[in-house]
Amino acid sequence: MDDSSKDLWRLDGRRALVTGASRGIGLAIARALCERGAEVWMTARGRSTLEEAVAELNADGFRAHALAGDVSDADSRSRLIESIGAPLHILVNNAGYNIRKPALAYAGDEVRDIFGTNLMAAFDLSRAAHPALAAAGSASIVNVSSVAGLKHLRTGAPYAMSKAAMNQMTRNLAVEWADDGIRVNAVAPWYIDTPLARQVLDDPDFRAEVLARTPLKRIGRPEEVAATVAFLCLPAAGYISGQTLAVDGGFSIFGF
């Protein structure tokens, strides 16, 4: 493999922002980008947990920076982009959360908060980052969606609705911003072994049902989602845009 071929699989010289990056999938994504040579700014609401995560990456010889903030807040989003500056080569919209309830059990503010964090924060942060991404000449946005936006799940209708809208946002921005050199894709994970998922996966009956609907018969790992995100940011993926790639062990073939 010559040097030009190797460059297809590296992110040296790229600058990235990952939201929700203090733990779980977000932290795994930050590490995967660092491992491929990127300099990564990481943001999350919990300052102490975030700084511990950044310190861990820096101790391993990577270039990572902590920017505590709440991406659902407009002022916080502006400060993030101003702190990083241009160019910005990679934006990963990972921050999000779920409240698992039947549709009739939600309060109005719960629905608004889910949409505000999962969808509108990603949309508005992408728009705020657009000048810095366009300045890079070749940039990538990856939205962390969910199979809930592709298939029916038993609870969490607002979460699923926000992720379905994120998938459509991914398609629209990929078309609108192609001339600016910005590719936009999404990944849609199924159950991944994170602290949040373990809240329900620790129930052996529920876990058995999840595995029964997963052709690969196991729970996914954060590193597997992170590797997919990193791939979509690589020059090797330079002809991929507007796609939502399920990282789900085959679940989306079955449904739940």
Foldseek 3Di string as FASTA:
>chain_A
DDPVVLQLQADAPAEEEFEPQLFFLNVLLQLLNQVRHYAYEYEEQDQVSNVVSQVVSVVVVTHYHYQYDQLLDPVSLLVVDVVVDAAHAEYELEWADFDWDAPVPDDPVVLVVRLSNQAVSLVVSCVSNVVNNLRVVAHEYEYEAACLCVFPDDTGVSNNVSRVVVLVVQQVCCVVCVVSNYAGEYEHEYAEPTPVSCVPCVPVVVVVVLLVLAQQSDHHYSNQVSNVSSSCSGSNVSVDHSYYHYPYNCNSVRGD
